[in-house]
Protein backbone atom coordinates (compact mmCIF):
# COMPACT_ATOMS: atom_id res chain seq x y z
CA MET A 1 -19.99 5.01 -16.57
CA PHE A 2 -16.95 2.45 -15.82
CA PHE A 3 -15.12 -0.40 -18.06
CA ASP A 4 -15.83 -3.76 -16.31
CA ARG A 5 -12.50 -5.36 -17.33
CA ASN A 6 -12.26 -8.53 -14.87
CA ALA A 7 -13.81 -10.92 -17.05
CA GLU A 8 -11.52 -9.94 -20.10
CA ARG A 9 -8.65 -8.33 -18.36
CA TYR A 10 -5.85 -10.56 -19.66
CA GLU A 11 -7.39 -11.53 -22.87
CA TYR A 12 -7.32 -7.78 -23.83
CA LEU A 13 -3.30 -8.13 -23.26
CA ALA A 14 -3.64 -11.34 -25.81
CA GLU A 15 -5.86 -9.45 -28.55
CA ARG A 16 -3.37 -6.62 -28.59
CA GLY A 17 -0.60 -9.25 -29.25
CA THR A 18 -2.61 -11.06 -31.97
CA ALA A 19 -3.09 -7.65 -33.46
CA GLY A 20 0.74 -7.28 -33.84
CA GLU A 21 0.93 -4.47 -30.93
CA PRO A 22 4.13 -4.02 -29.12
CA TRP A 23 2.81 -4.93 -25.77
CA ALA A 24 2.77 -8.54 -26.09
CA ARG A 25 5.86 -8.37 -28.07
CA ALA A 26 7.69 -6.97 -25.02
CA ALA A 27 5.87 -9.34 -22.46
CA GLN A 28 7.35 -12.51 -24.45
CA ARG A 29 10.96 -11.28 -23.94
CA SER A 30 10.38 -11.77 -20.27
CA ARG A 31 12.15 -15.03 -20.63
CA VAL A 32 10.56 -16.95 -17.53
CA ARG A 33 9.83 -20.33 -17.57
CA THR A 34 6.06 -21.12 -17.26
CA LEU A 35 3.80 -23.98 -16.79
CA GLU A 36 4.20 -24.89 -20.19
CA ASP A 37 7.99 -25.78 -19.64
CA LEU A 38 7.20 -28.70 -17.28
CA HIS A 39 6.75 -32.44 -18.03
CA ASP A 40 5.69 -35.51 -16.62
CA LEU A 41 3.57 -34.03 -13.74
CA ASP A 42 0.85 -36.83 -13.53
CA GLY A 43 0.89 -38.68 -10.04
CA ARG A 44 4.11 -36.51 -8.83
CA ARG A 45 3.95 -33.90 -6.65
CA ALA A 46 4.29 -30.04 -7.06
CA LEU A 47 5.47 -27.88 -4.23
CA VAL A 48 4.09 -24.60 -5.08
CA ARG A 49 4.84 -21.18 -3.38
CA VAL A 50 1.91 -18.94 -2.98
CA ASP A 51 1.02 -15.78 -1.55
CA PHE A 52 -1.72 -16.37 1.08
CA ASN A 53 -0.37 -13.45 3.65
CA VAL A 54 -3.95 -12.17 3.79
CA PRO A 55 -6.02 -10.20 6.36
CA LEU A 56 -7.57 -12.28 8.89
CA ALA A 57 -10.30 -11.61 11.42
CA ASP A 58 -11.79 -13.58 14.23
CA GLY A 59 -10.38 -16.60 12.31
CA ARG A 60 -11.60 -16.03 9.20
CA VAL A 61 -10.16 -14.81 5.93
CA VAL A 62 -11.25 -10.79 5.28
CA ASP A 63 -9.94 -10.43 1.69
CA ASP A 64 -9.38 -13.57 -0.31
CA THR A 65 -8.01 -11.74 -3.69
CA ARG A 66 -4.50 -13.29 -3.37
CA ILE A 67 -6.15 -16.67 -2.90
CA ALA A 68 -8.47 -16.43 -5.53
CA GLN A 69 -6.00 -15.09 -8.16
CA THR A 70 -3.72 -18.33 -7.68
CA VAL A 71 -6.71 -20.80 -8.19
CA ALA A 72 -5.95 -20.74 -11.79
CA THR A 73 -2.56 -22.00 -11.53
CA LEU A 74 -3.45 -24.73 -9.06
CA THR A 75 -6.56 -25.54 -11.47
CA ALA A 76 -4.04 -26.04 -14.32
CA LEU A 77 -1.41 -28.22 -12.36
CA ARG A 78 -4.31 -30.71 -10.99
CA GLU A 79 -5.67 -30.97 -14.60
CA GLN A 80 -1.83 -31.96 -15.46
CA GLY A 81 -2.24 -34.70 -12.83
CA ALA A 82 0.09 -32.93 -10.21
CA GLN A 83 -0.30 -33.16 -6.44
CA LEU A 84 0.08 -30.37 -4.72
CA LEU A 85 1.80 -29.09 -1.75
CA LEU A 86 1.41 -25.22 -1.23
CA VAL A 87 3.70 -23.33 0.83
CA SER A 88 3.06 -19.77 2.08
CA HIS A 89 4.07 -17.26 5.01
CA LEU A 90 1.62 -15.33 6.75
CA GLY A 91 2.56 -12.54 8.64
CA ARG A 92 6.03 -12.27 10.73
CA PRO A 93 5.32 -14.89 13.49
CA LYS A 94 7.99 -15.83 16.45
CA ASP A 95 8.12 -19.30 17.02
CA ARG A 96 5.00 -21.11 16.35
CA ASP A 97 2.22 -18.07 16.64
CA PRO A 98 -1.08 -19.73 16.68
CA ALA A 99 -2.75 -16.34 15.79
CA LEU A 100 -0.72 -16.61 12.45
CA SER A 101 -1.75 -20.11 11.53
CA LEU A 102 -2.97 -20.85 7.57
CA ARG A 103 -5.91 -23.04 8.88
CA PRO A 104 -8.41 -19.99 8.26
CA VAL A 105 -6.59 -19.88 4.58
CA ALA A 106 -6.59 -23.68 4.19
CA ASP A 107 -10.36 -23.66 5.06
CA ARG A 108 -11.15 -20.60 2.31
CA LEU A 109 -8.84 -22.14 -0.34
CA SER A 110 -11.31 -25.29 0.12
CA GLU A 111 -14.57 -23.37 -0.52
CA LEU A 112 -12.64 -21.62 -3.69
CA MET A 113 -11.63 -25.09 -5.00
CA ASP A 114 -14.53 -27.13 -3.78
CA ASP A 115 -12.43 -29.57 -2.25
CA ASP A 116 -10.80 -30.27 1.06
CA VAL A 117 -7.26 -28.88 1.71
CA ALA A 118 -5.42 -30.76 4.34
CA LEU A 119 -3.00 -28.85 6.55
CA ALA A 120 0.11 -30.11 7.12
CA PRO A 121 1.76 -29.04 10.76
CA ASP A 122 5.20 -29.21 9.69
CA LEU A 123 7.74 -30.72 7.34
CA ASP A 124 8.08 -33.99 8.75
CA HIS A 125 4.00 -34.85 8.53
CA ILE A 126 2.85 -34.10 5.24
CA PRO A 127 -0.24 -36.06 4.77
CA ASP A 128 -1.04 -38.01 1.79
CA GLY A 129 -3.53 -36.38 -0.71
CA GLY A 130 -3.72 -34.19 -3.91
CA LEU A 131 -4.25 -30.72 -2.26
CA VAL A 132 -2.05 -30.09 0.78
CA MET A 133 -1.00 -26.91 2.39
CA LEU A 134 2.18 -26.72 4.60
CA GLU A 135 1.50 -24.44 7.95
CA ASN A 136 3.08 -21.08 7.80
CA ILE A 137 6.70 -21.37 6.58
CA ARG A 138 7.92 -18.78 8.80
CA TYR A 139 7.18 -21.03 11.61
CA GLU A 140 10.59 -23.02 9.93
CA ARG A 141 13.63 -21.60 11.22
CA GLY A 142 15.81 -20.39 8.69
CA GLU A 143 13.05 -19.57 5.60
CA THR A 144 14.01 -15.73 6.06
CA LYS A 145 17.87 -16.56 5.86
CA ASN A 146 17.23 -18.95 2.97
CA ASP A 147 18.94 -21.47 5.03
CA ARG A 148 20.62 -24.39 2.52
CA LYS A 149 19.12 -27.26 4.68
CA LEU A 150 15.50 -26.17 4.98
CA ALA A 151 15.72 -25.36 1.08
CA ALA A 152 17.09 -28.71 0.49
CA ARG A 153 14.39 -30.35 2.87
CA LEU A 154 11.52 -28.49 1.05
CA GLY A 155 13.00 -29.59 -2.29
CA ALA A 156 13.02 -33.36 -1.10
CA LEU A 157 9.22 -32.76 -1.16
CA ALA A 158 8.54 -32.67 -4.54
CA ASP A 159 9.54 -33.07 -7.81
CA THR A 160 8.61 -29.78 -8.88
CA TYR A 161 8.78 -26.45 -8.16
CA VAL A 162 6.13 -23.81 -9.12
CA ASN A 163 6.54 -20.10 -7.95
CA ASP A 164 3.01 -18.34 -8.21
CA ALA A 165 4.12 -15.57 -5.67
CA PHE A 166 5.36 -12.60 -7.38
CA GLY A 167 4.99 -10.76 -4.27
CA VAL A 168 7.76 -12.20 -2.52
CA ALA A 169 10.07 -12.77 -5.52
CA HIS A 170 12.34 -10.00 -4.17
CA ARG A 171 13.20 -11.85 -1.20
CA ALA A 172 16.08 -14.49 -1.11
CA HIS A 173 14.22 -17.10 0.78
CA ALA A 174 14.35 -20.72 1.15
CA SER A 175 10.83 -21.13 -0.44
CA THR A 176 11.34 -18.49 -3.20
CA GLU A 177 14.87 -19.57 -4.11
CA GLY A 178 17.02 -21.74 -2.62
CA VAL A 179 14.34 -24.63 -3.09
CA VAL A 180 14.68 -24.14 -6.81
CA HIS A 181 18.50 -25.92 -6.83
CA HIS A 182 16.80 -28.94 -5.21
CA VAL A 183 14.25 -29.73 -7.59
CA GLU A 184 13.89 -31.43 -11.04
CA GLN A 185 12.40 -28.69 -12.71
CA SER A 186 10.61 -25.09 -11.64
CA ALA A 187 8.70 -22.38 -13.34
CA ALA A 188 6.44 -19.58 -12.69
CA GLY A 189 2.76 -20.09 -12.36
CA LEU A 190 0.22 -18.31 -14.11
CA LEU A 191 -0.29 -15.34 -11.68
CA PHE A 192 3.62 -14.71 -11.60
CA GLN A 193 4.04 -14.97 -15.36
CA ARG A 194 1.16 -12.58 -15.74
CA GLU A 195 3.11 -10.12 -13.27
CA VAL A 196 6.58 -10.21 -14.98
CA GLU A 197 4.82 -9.64 -18.71
CA THR A 198 2.74 -6.88 -17.76
CA LEU A 199 5.67 -5.16 -15.73
CA THR A 200 8.02 -6.22 -18.87
CA ALA A 201 5.80 -4.77 -21.44
CA ILE A 202 5.47 -1.42 -19.65
CA LEU A 203 9.22 -1.01 -19.15
CA ARG A 204 9.88 -1.81 -22.66
CA ASP A 205 7.33 -1.01 -25.17
CA PRO A 206 3.90 0.53 -23.38
CA GLY A 207 1.34 2.15 -25.32
CA ARG A 208 2.00 5.93 -25.06
CA PRO A 209 1.53 8.30 -23.38
CA LEU A 210 3.15 6.23 -20.49
CA VAL A 211 1.86 7.94 -17.33
CA ALA A 212 3.11 6.57 -13.63
CA VAL A 213 1.33 8.04 -10.62
CA LEU A 214 3.24 7.35 -7.52
CA GLY A 215 2.05 8.19 -4.09
CA GLY A 216 2.65 7.13 -0.68
CA SER A 217 4.53 8.31 2.29
CA LYS A 218 8.13 7.92 1.57
CA VAL A 219 10.18 9.42 -1.31
CA THR A 220 13.07 6.99 -0.07
CA ASP A 221 10.82 4.04 -0.97
CA LYS A 222 10.10 4.90 -4.50
CA ILE A 223 12.93 6.92 -5.66
CA GLY A 224 14.11 4.09 -7.81
CA ALA A 225 11.01 3.82 -9.14
CA ILE A 226 10.81 7.62 -9.94
CA ASP A 227 14.05 7.77 -11.35
CA ARG A 228 13.22 4.93 -13.76
CA PHE A 229 10.15 6.33 -14.94
CA LEU A 230 11.82 9.74 -15.61
CA GLU A 231 13.46 7.58 -18.14
CA VAL A 232 10.75 5.56 -19.64
CA ALA A 233 7.70 7.26 -18.56
CA ASP A 234 6.13 10.37 -20.15
CA THR A 235 4.57 11.88 -17.31
CA VAL A 236 5.25 11.04 -13.69
CA LEU A 237 2.58 12.69 -11.25
CA ILE A 238 3.43 12.57 -7.30
CA GLY A 239 1.07 12.68 -4.85
CA GLY A 240 0.52 11.67 -1.01
CA ALA A 241 3.13 12.85 1.40
CA MET A 242 5.79 11.97 -0.63
CA ALA A 243 5.34 15.40 -2.48
CA PHE A 244 6.63 17.42 0.57
CA PRO A 245 10.23 16.34 0.23
CA PHE A 246 9.84 17.82 -3.31
CA MET A 247 8.55 20.97 -2.11
CA VAL A 248 11.13 21.46 0.88
CA ALA A 249 13.60 20.57 -1.93
CA GLN A 250 12.24 23.72 -4.21
CA GLY A 251 12.52 25.78 -0.92
CA LEU A 252 8.52 25.85 -0.22
CA ALA A 253 7.15 25.88 3.50
CA THR A 254 5.31 22.52 4.29
CA GLY A 255 3.68 23.55 7.67
CA ASP A 256 3.21 20.44 10.02
CA SER A 257 3.07 17.92 7.06
CA LEU A 258 4.25 14.53 7.32
CA CYS A 259 7.90 15.03 5.37
CA GLU A 260 10.08 12.54 5.16
CA ARG A 261 13.75 14.63 5.97
CA GLY A 262 15.55 11.63 4.70
CA GLY A 263 14.15 12.20 1.39
CA VAL A 264 14.66 15.55 0.48
CA ALA A 265 17.89 14.96 -1.20
CA ALA A 266 16.83 12.23 -3.17
CA ALA A 267 13.62 14.49 -3.97
CA ARG A 268 16.13 17.05 -4.99
CA ARG A 269 18.27 14.79 -7.21
CA ALA A 270 15.01 13.77 -9.03
CA LEU A 271 14.24 17.42 -9.79
CA GLU A 272 17.38 18.06 -10.94
CA LYS A 273 17.47 15.12 -13.51
CA ASP A 274 13.95 16.49 -14.72
CA GLU A 275 15.34 19.84 -15.17
CA GLY A 276 14.92 21.08 -18.83
CA VAL A 277 12.67 18.03 -19.29
CA GLY A 278 9.46 18.53 -17.66
CA LYS A 279 7.96 15.20 -17.02
CA LEU A 280 7.52 15.48 -13.07
CA ARG A 281 4.30 16.82 -11.97
CA LEU A 282 3.71 17.98 -7.93
CA PRO A 283 0.51 19.20 -6.61
CA VAL A 284 -0.81 22.87 -7.51
CA ASP A 285 -2.93 22.82 -4.26
CA LEU A 286 -3.88 20.95 -1.01
CA VAL A 287 -6.28 20.17 1.40
CA VAL A 288 -5.02 20.96 4.65
CA ALA A 289 -5.83 20.48 8.07
CA ASP A 290 -5.52 21.09 11.74
CA ARG A 291 -4.68 17.72 12.90
CA PHE A 292 -4.67 14.32 11.46
CA SER A 293 -8.84 13.17 12.34
CA ALA A 294 -11.70 13.02 10.29
CA HIS A 295 -12.82 15.66 12.56
CA ALA A 296 -10.22 18.28 11.76
CA GLN A 297 -10.73 21.95 10.47
CA THR A 298 -10.00 21.87 6.91
CA ARG A 299 -9.01 24.75 4.39
CA LEU A 300 -7.92 24.66 0.91
CA VAL A 301 -4.46 26.29 0.06
CA ASP A 302 -2.18 26.71 -2.98
CA ALA A 303 0.87 23.91 -2.73
CA ASP A 304 3.14 26.67 -2.08
CA ASP A 305 1.33 28.63 0.61
CA VAL A 306 0.61 25.55 3.51
CA PRO A 307 0.37 27.73 6.83
CA ALA A 308 2.39 27.25 9.99
CA GLY A 309 0.72 24.71 12.04
CA TRP A 310 -1.46 22.79 9.25
CA MET A 311 -0.82 19.41 7.61
CA GLY A 312 -1.30 18.74 3.91
CA LEU A 313 -3.56 15.54 3.66
CA ASP A 314 -4.98 15.72 0.18
CA VAL A 315 -4.33 17.26 -3.15
CA GLY A 316 -6.70 19.64 -4.18
CA PRO A 317 -9.51 20.13 -7.01
CA ARG A 318 -7.07 21.73 -9.54
CA THR A 319 -4.51 18.75 -8.92
CA ARG A 320 -7.35 16.39 -9.34
CA GLU A 321 -8.37 17.53 -12.61
CA LEU A 322 -4.85 18.20 -14.05
CA TYR A 323 -3.88 14.74 -12.90
CA ALA A 324 -7.04 13.02 -14.32
CA ARG A 325 -6.45 14.73 -17.48
CA GLU A 326 -2.98 13.23 -18.04
CA ILE A 327 -4.52 10.05 -16.91
CA ALA A 328 -7.52 10.32 -19.48
CA ASP A 329 -4.89 11.06 -22.36
CA ALA A 330 -2.22 7.92 -21.69
CA GLY A 331 -1.83 5.17 -23.24
CA THR A 332 -0.57 3.23 -20.46
CA VAL A 333 -1.17 3.85 -16.50
CA PHE A 334 0.81 2.67 -13.72
CA TRP A 335 -0.43 3.48 -10.39
CA ASN A 336 1.53 2.92 -7.10
CA GLY A 337 0.42 4.62 -3.86
CA PRO A 338 -2.69 7.01 -3.04
CA VAL A 339 -2.16 10.92 -3.02
CA GLY A 340 -4.00 11.59 0.16
CA ALA A 341 -5.43 10.16 3.79
CA PHE A 342 -8.15 8.36 1.88
CA GLU A 343 -8.81 6.35 4.82
CA LEU A 344 -10.48 9.17 6.35
CA HIS A 345 -13.38 10.59 4.30
CA PRO A 346 -12.28 14.42 4.20
CA PHE A 347 -9.09 13.59 2.63
CA SER A 348 -10.37 10.64 0.20
CA ALA A 349 -11.29 12.84 -2.80
CA GLY A 350 -8.02 13.02 -4.28
CA THR A 351 -7.11 9.35 -4.43
CA ARG A 352 -10.79 8.72 -5.48
CA ALA A 353 -10.20 11.17 -8.18
CA ILE A 354 -7.33 8.82 -9.05
CA ALA A 355 -9.42 5.46 -8.99
CA GLU A 356 -11.87 6.76 -11.32
CA ALA A 357 -9.72 8.42 -13.55
CA VAL A 358 -7.97 4.84 -14.07
CA ALA A 359 -10.92 3.32 -14.13
CA ARG A 360 -12.62 5.60 -17.12
CA THR A 361 -9.61 5.69 -19.26
CA GLU A 362 -9.44 3.45 -22.22
CA ALA A 363 -5.64 3.19 -21.51
CA ILE A 364 -3.92 -0.08 -20.37
CA THR A 365 -4.02 0.39 -16.51
CA VAL A 366 -1.75 -1.48 -13.75
CA VAL A 367 -2.39 -0.80 -10.33
CA GLY A 368 -0.15 -2.01 -7.47
CA GLY A 369 0.70 -1.67 -3.93
CA GLY A 370 -1.90 -2.40 -1.05
CA ASP A 371 -3.07 1.02 -0.40
CA SER A 372 -3.77 1.50 -4.24
CA VAL A 373 -5.69 -1.54 -4.30
CA ALA A 374 -7.55 -1.18 -1.38
CA ALA A 375 -8.76 2.28 -2.26
CA LEU A 376 -9.82 0.70 -5.77
CA THR A 377 -11.70 -1.96 -3.62
CA ARG A 378 -13.08 0.57 -1.39
CA PHE A 379 -14.30 2.83 -4.20
CA GLY A 380 -16.03 -0.32 -5.80
CA LEU A 381 -13.37 -0.02 -9.02
CA GLU A 382 -11.19 -3.04 -8.75
CA ASN A 383 -12.77 -4.68 -11.59
CA ALA A 384 -12.29 -1.57 -13.99
CA VAL A 385 -8.36 -1.85 -14.19
CA THR A 386 -6.73 -3.81 -16.92
CA HIS A 387 -4.34 -5.65 -14.08
CA VAL A 388 -4.31 -5.50 -10.27
CA SER A 389 -0.69 -6.20 -9.16
CA THR A 390 -0.14 -8.51 -6.09
CA GLY A 391 3.62 -7.38 -6.11
CA GLY A 392 3.54 -3.92 -4.28
CA GLY A 393 7.56 -3.87 -3.20
CA ALA A 394 8.54 -6.78 -5.67
CA ALA A 395 6.96 -4.69 -8.59
CA LEU A 396 8.97 -1.52 -7.25
CA GLU A 397 11.94 -3.17 -7.33
CA PHE A 398 11.30 -4.99 -10.93
CA ILE A 399 10.65 -1.53 -12.43
CA GLU A 400 13.65 -0.20 -10.74
CA GLY A 401 16.23 -2.90 -12.44
CA ARG A 402 17.04 -4.63 -9.42
CA ALA A 403 17.71 -8.55 -9.28
CA LEU A 404 14.85 -10.23 -7.84
CA PRO A 405 15.99 -13.56 -6.62
CA GLY A 406 12.90 -15.60 -6.87
CA PHE A 407 12.42 -14.14 -10.39
CA THR A 408 16.10 -15.00 -11.57
CA ALA A 409 15.99 -18.43 -10.18
CA LEU A 410 13.27 -19.06 -12.91
CA ARG A 411 14.95 -17.33 -15.79
CA ARG A 412 15.53 -19.37 -19.08
């Protein structure tokens, strides 16, 4: 039996605050301007940066999660009388690649908002209307370089700027940082605000024990988060291919497993930092295969006994049980990254076990990163966690303590 937290996901956090719990107190210290700080919106245009970088197939949106999560912000602004000009990127187009047009996204948003969304082809042709979407902002030269002229042109289109795209807050782009300096007022949207408050609470005053589950393929992508969690968390569970640099750093053979050699030194430093502390947990057994294929021959081995010519593609049953037990006893869980090649059925059991443990626990649960969210969705558990982060890389950099340009621009 899994909890269905979709409807009450964020109300749960508010209830903890009403009861005087530390979670909400920490969240309130995030100090970002919010929609409540905006004024005089009636009849005026608000430029809203959204993250509609969603998968498309055959001219249609495949996954509308990011679009749907922004509807609350758009509705709140329209209720205050604002006219909306939405700005988003889609992919990494060269020139004006028609395959990366936001037309399918505008069509899907029209359905979700039950209103027509006009699509503006460029900054010089913005149609009148209360709900307009600008064509892919990366069609505009200078967007990713935070070009001052482009930022000024964007600012000239609106009186107010709202950023509801936390997933690109770590990018200093014209539409995420530069534009803020060319409008009368700016604030975070509801989704952006929720991301900041949730991550702030995890770092400052989480329910204990705080358990971090970090998987994926590269240690170097997450070593900053690992280091931070070794400071603030009670337990750090490592899985996926990023476990192999830790094993190599301990002098263990990893066979033909995918091992980021550049991550060995970082893994060794993390092990040294954890020496005598004991927060890090590594797999104790593995499912290995003779090749990366759904039809490969597989074996179950101890983590310190990977045969030559074989590759580790999932954590084994003893690791699943150990990790699930840590999650079950947690007060807060942060999960980013699968612990195996879950896209192939023979190697999906480990990530499924993590997803089910996260869904079962009564702890506050925060899941981020595209693959982790995809795993939740694949196993039908996306509504069984407290917060599904849209941040990915931005969330990890926030946890590391890095300055996020899009966030800093909205600080009080």
